[in-house]
């Protein structure tokens, strides 16, 4: 008894798909293991402290300023501070989007229209 050609094609496609998936999995596992062996930390990180200063120290400001001056050239650094992580721009954009959908009410127009 022979299988119909469509079933044979389906089975062949399934076998090839599983073989390719297995090869991809083997490749990913091998590359991950190789990468883990090759990557070593460039320095020993200090233990993170629980208390962070609210503002940078003068030494940190000097180091950041020197690095920026080296990379960017002579720019005037106005302020160095922690970036705000607020989402005020999201709510502002959302309000602008919603307000843009309201049609202007004309004096002769009823509220139900």
C-alpha atoms as a PDB file:
ATOM      1  CA  UNK A   1       0.000   0.000   0.000  1.00  0.00           C
ATOM      2  CA  UNK A   2       1.406   3.369  -0.994  1.00  0.00           C
ATOM      3  CA  UNK A   3       0.528   6.664   0.539  1.00  0.00           C
ATOM      4  CA  UNK A   4      -0.960   9.419  -1.596  1.00  0.00           C
ATOM      5  CA  UNK A   5       1.577  11.903  -2.932  1.00  0.00           C
ATOM      6  CA  UNK A   6       0.220  14.736  -0.769  1.00  0.00           C
ATOM      7  CA  UNK A   7       0.767  12.715   2.403  1.00  0.00           C
ATOM      8  CA  UNK A   8       4.277  11.775   1.264  1.00  0.00           C
ATOM      9  CA  UNK A   9       5.108  15.445   0.639  1.00  0.00           C
ATOM     10  CA  UNK A  10       3.660  16.391   4.038  1.00  0.00           C
ATOM     11  CA  UNK A  11       5.745  13.757   5.830  1.00  0.00           C
ATOM     12  CA  UNK A  12       8.886  14.735   3.924  1.00  0.00           C
ATOM     13  CA  UNK A  13       8.342  18.397   4.831  1.00  0.00           C
ATOM     14  CA  UNK A  14       7.827  17.464   8.490  1.00  0.00           C
ATOM     15  CA  UNK A  15      11.022  15.375   8.587  1.00  0.00           C
ATOM     16  CA  UNK A  16      13.072  18.121   6.923  1.00  0.00           C
ATOM     17  CA  UNK A  17      11.593  20.772   9.263  1.00  0.00           C
ATOM     18  CA  UNK A  18      12.481  18.765  12.368  1.00  0.00           C
ATOM     19  CA  UNK A  19      15.992  18.128  11.033  1.00  0.00           C
ATOM     20  CA  UNK A  20      16.555  21.849  10.378  1.00  0.00           C
ATOM     21  CA  UNK A  21      15.145  22.770  13.796  1.00  0.00           C
ATOM     22  CA  UNK A  22      17.495  20.265  15.424  1.00  0.00           C
ATOM     23  CA  UNK A  23      20.499  21.653  13.556  1.00  0.00           C
ATOM     24  CA  UNK A  24      19.594  25.214  14.524  1.00  0.00           C
ATOM     25  CA  UNK A  25      19.212  24.189  18.162  1.00  0.00           C
ATOM     26  CA  UNK A  26      22.584  22.429  18.076  1.00  0.00           C
ATOM     27  CA  UNK A  27      24.204  25.498  16.509  1.00  0.00           C
ATOM     28  CA  UNK A  28      22.734  27.855  19.122  1.00  0.00           C
ATOM     29  CA  UNK A  29      23.799  25.652  22.032  1.00  0.00           C
ATOM     30  CA  UNK A  30      27.313  25.258  20.616  1.00  0.00           C
ATOM     31  CA  UNK A  31      27.766  28.978  19.975  1.00  0.00           C
ATOM     32  CA  UNK A  32      26.417  29.872  23.418  1.00  0.00           C
ATOM     33  CA  UNK A  33      28.830  27.468  25.108  1.00  0.00           C
ATOM     34  CA  UNK A  34      31.724  28.817  23.032  1.00  0.00           C
ATOM     35  CA  UNK A  35      30.817  32.417  23.828  1.00  0.00           C
ATOM     36  CA  UNK A  36      30.603  31.702  27.539  1.00  0.00           C
ATOM     37  CA  UNK A  37      34.113  30.242  27.531  1.00  0.00           C
ATOM     38  CA  UNK A  38      35.638  33.116  25.538  1.00  0.00           C
ATOM     39  CA  UNK A  39      34.025  36.036  27.352  1.00  0.00           C
ATOM     40  CA  UNK A  40      35.781  37.043  30.518  1.00  0.00           C
ATOM     41  CA  UNK A  41      34.961  40.158  32.498  1.00  0.00           C
ATOM     42  CA  UNK A  42      37.371  42.997  31.619  1.00  0.00           C
ATOM     43  CA  UNK A  43      37.596  44.043  35.261  1.00  0.00           C
ATOM     44  CA  UNK A  44      36.367  42.984  38.632  1.00  0.00           C
ATOM     45  CA  UNK A  45      33.350  45.096  39.430  1.00  0.00           C
ATOM     46  CA  UNK A  46      33.088  46.617  42.857  1.00  0.00           C
ATOM     47  CA  UNK A  47      30.249  45.569  45.067  1.00  0.00           C
ATOM     48  CA  UNK A  48      27.295  47.873  44.451  1.00  0.00           C
ATOM     49  CA  UNK A  49      26.576  50.139  47.337  1.00  0.00           C
ATOM     50  CA  UNK A  50      23.056  50.594  48.571  1.00  0.00           C
ATOM     51  CA  UNK A  51      23.384  54.341  49.087  1.00  0.00           C
ATOM     52  CA  UNK A  52      23.880  56.418  45.932  1.00  0.00           C
ATOM     53  CA  UNK A  53      24.703  60.084  46.153  1.00  0.00           C
ATOM     54  CA  UNK A  54      21.949  62.321  44.831  1.00  0.00           C
ATOM     55  CA  UNK A  55      24.415  64.473  42.904  1.00  0.00           C
ATOM     56  CA  UNK A  56      27.706  63.499  41.281  1.00  0.00           C
ATOM     57  CA  UNK A  57      30.902  64.191  43.149  1.00  0.00           C
ATOM     58  CA  UNK A  58      33.314  66.806  41.788  1.00  0.00           C
ATOM     59  CA  UNK A  59      35.658  64.008  40.676  1.00  0.00           C
ATOM     60  CA  UNK A  60      32.848  62.384  38.687  1.00  0.00           C
ATOM     61  CA  UNK A  61      31.932  65.698  37.073  1.00  0.00           C
ATOM     62  CA  UNK A  62      35.563  66.272  36.126  1.00  0.00           C
ATOM     63  CA  UNK A  63      35.889  62.767  34.652  1.00  0.00           C
ATOM     64  CA  UNK A  64      32.668  63.086  32.646  1.00  0.00           C
ATOM     65  CA  UNK A  65      33.632  66.571  31.447  1.00  0.00           C
ATOM     66  CA  UNK A  66      37.074  65.393  30.366  1.00  0.00           C
ATOM     67  CA  UNK A  67      35.619  62.416  28.504  1.00  0.00           C
ATOM     68  CA  UNK A  68      33.026  64.563  26.727  1.00  0.00           C
ATOM     69  CA  UNK A  69      35.649  67.169  25.846  1.00  0.00           C
ATOM     70  CA  UNK A  70      37.848  64.452  24.360  1.00  0.00           C
ATOM     71  CA  UNK A  71      35.043  62.895  22.329  1.00  0.00           C
ATOM     72  CA  UNK A  72      33.011  65.925  21.299  1.00  0.00           C
ATOM     73  CA  UNK A  73      35.556  68.703  21.264  1.00  0.00           C
ATOM     74  CA  UNK A  74      35.150  71.968  23.121  1.00  0.00           C
ATOM     75  CA  UNK A  75      31.528  72.161  24.197  1.00  0.00           C
ATOM     76  CA  UNK A  76      30.220  73.956  27.231  1.00  0.00           C
ATOM     77  CA  UNK A  77      28.632  71.487  29.641  1.00  0.00           C
ATOM     78  CA  UNK A  78      25.758  73.208  31.368  1.00  0.00           C
ATOM     79  CA  UNK A  79      24.515  70.522  33.717  1.00  0.00           C
ATOM     80  CA  UNK A  80      25.155  66.873  34.592  1.00  0.00           C
ATOM     81  CA  UNK A  81      22.303  65.168  36.361  1.00  0.00           C
ATOM     82  CA  UNK A  82      20.286  61.991  36.430  1.00  0.00           C
ATOM     83  CA  UNK A  83      17.774  61.795  33.609  1.00  0.00           C
ATOM     84  CA  UNK A  84      14.170  61.929  34.729  1.00  0.00           C
ATOM     85  CA  UNK A  85      12.324  58.710  34.037  1.00  0.00           C
ATOM     86  CA  UNK A  86       8.853  60.254  34.126  1.00  0.00           C
ATOM     87  CA  UNK A  87       6.216  59.598  31.538  1.00  0.00           C
ATOM     88  CA  UNK A  88       4.848  63.103  31.272  1.00  0.00           C
ATOM     89  CA  UNK A  89       5.457  63.190  27.536  1.00  0.00           C
ATOM     90  CA  UNK A  90       3.296  60.068  27.175  1.00  0.00           C
ATOM     91  CA  UNK A  91       0.329  61.618  28.943  1.00  0.00           C
ATOM     92  CA  UNK A  92       0.822  64.877  27.045  1.00  0.00           C
ATOM     93  CA  UNK A  93       0.886  63.061  23.714  1.00  0.00           C
ATOM     94  CA  UNK A  94      -2.140  60.993  24.699  1.00  0.00           C
ATOM     95  CA  UNK A  95      -4.090  64.139  25.651  1.00  0.00           C
ATOM     96  CA  UNK A  96      -3.169  65.796  22.352  1.00  0.00           C
ATOM     97  CA  UNK A  97      -4.275  62.691  20.462  1.00  0.00           C
ATOM     98  CA  UNK A  98      -7.604  62.492  22.266  1.00  0.00           C
ATOM     99  CA  UNK A  99      -8.245  66.229  21.994  1.00  0.00           C
ATOM    100  CA  UNK A 100      -7.644  66.117  18.263  1.00  0.00           C
ATOM    101  CA  UNK A 101     -10.658  63.820  17.860  1.00  0.00           C
ATOM    102  CA  UNK A 102     -13.155  66.248  19.348  1.00  0.00           C
ATOM    103  CA  UNK A 103     -14.951  68.219  16.704  1.00  0.00           C
ATOM    104  CA  UNK A 104     -15.504  71.883  17.315  1.00  0.00           C
ATOM    105  CA  UNK A 105     -19.051  72.522  18.449  1.00  0.00           C
ATOM    106  CA  UNK A 106     -20.798  75.016  16.239  1.00  0.00           C
ATOM    107  CA  UNK A 107     -23.546  77.155  17.750  1.00  0.00           C
ATOM    108  CA  UNK A 108     -26.304  75.560  15.640  1.00  0.00           C
ATOM    109  CA  UNK A 109     -25.256  71.984  16.263  1.00  0.00           C
ATOM    110  CA  UNK A 110     -27.068  69.821  18.782  1.00  0.00           C
ATOM    111  CA  UNK A 111     -25.059  67.689  21.260  1.00  0.00           C
ATOM    112  CA  UNK A 112     -26.354  64.424  19.772  1.00  0.00           C
ATOM    113  CA  UNK A 113     -25.023  65.168  16.277  1.00  0.00           C
END
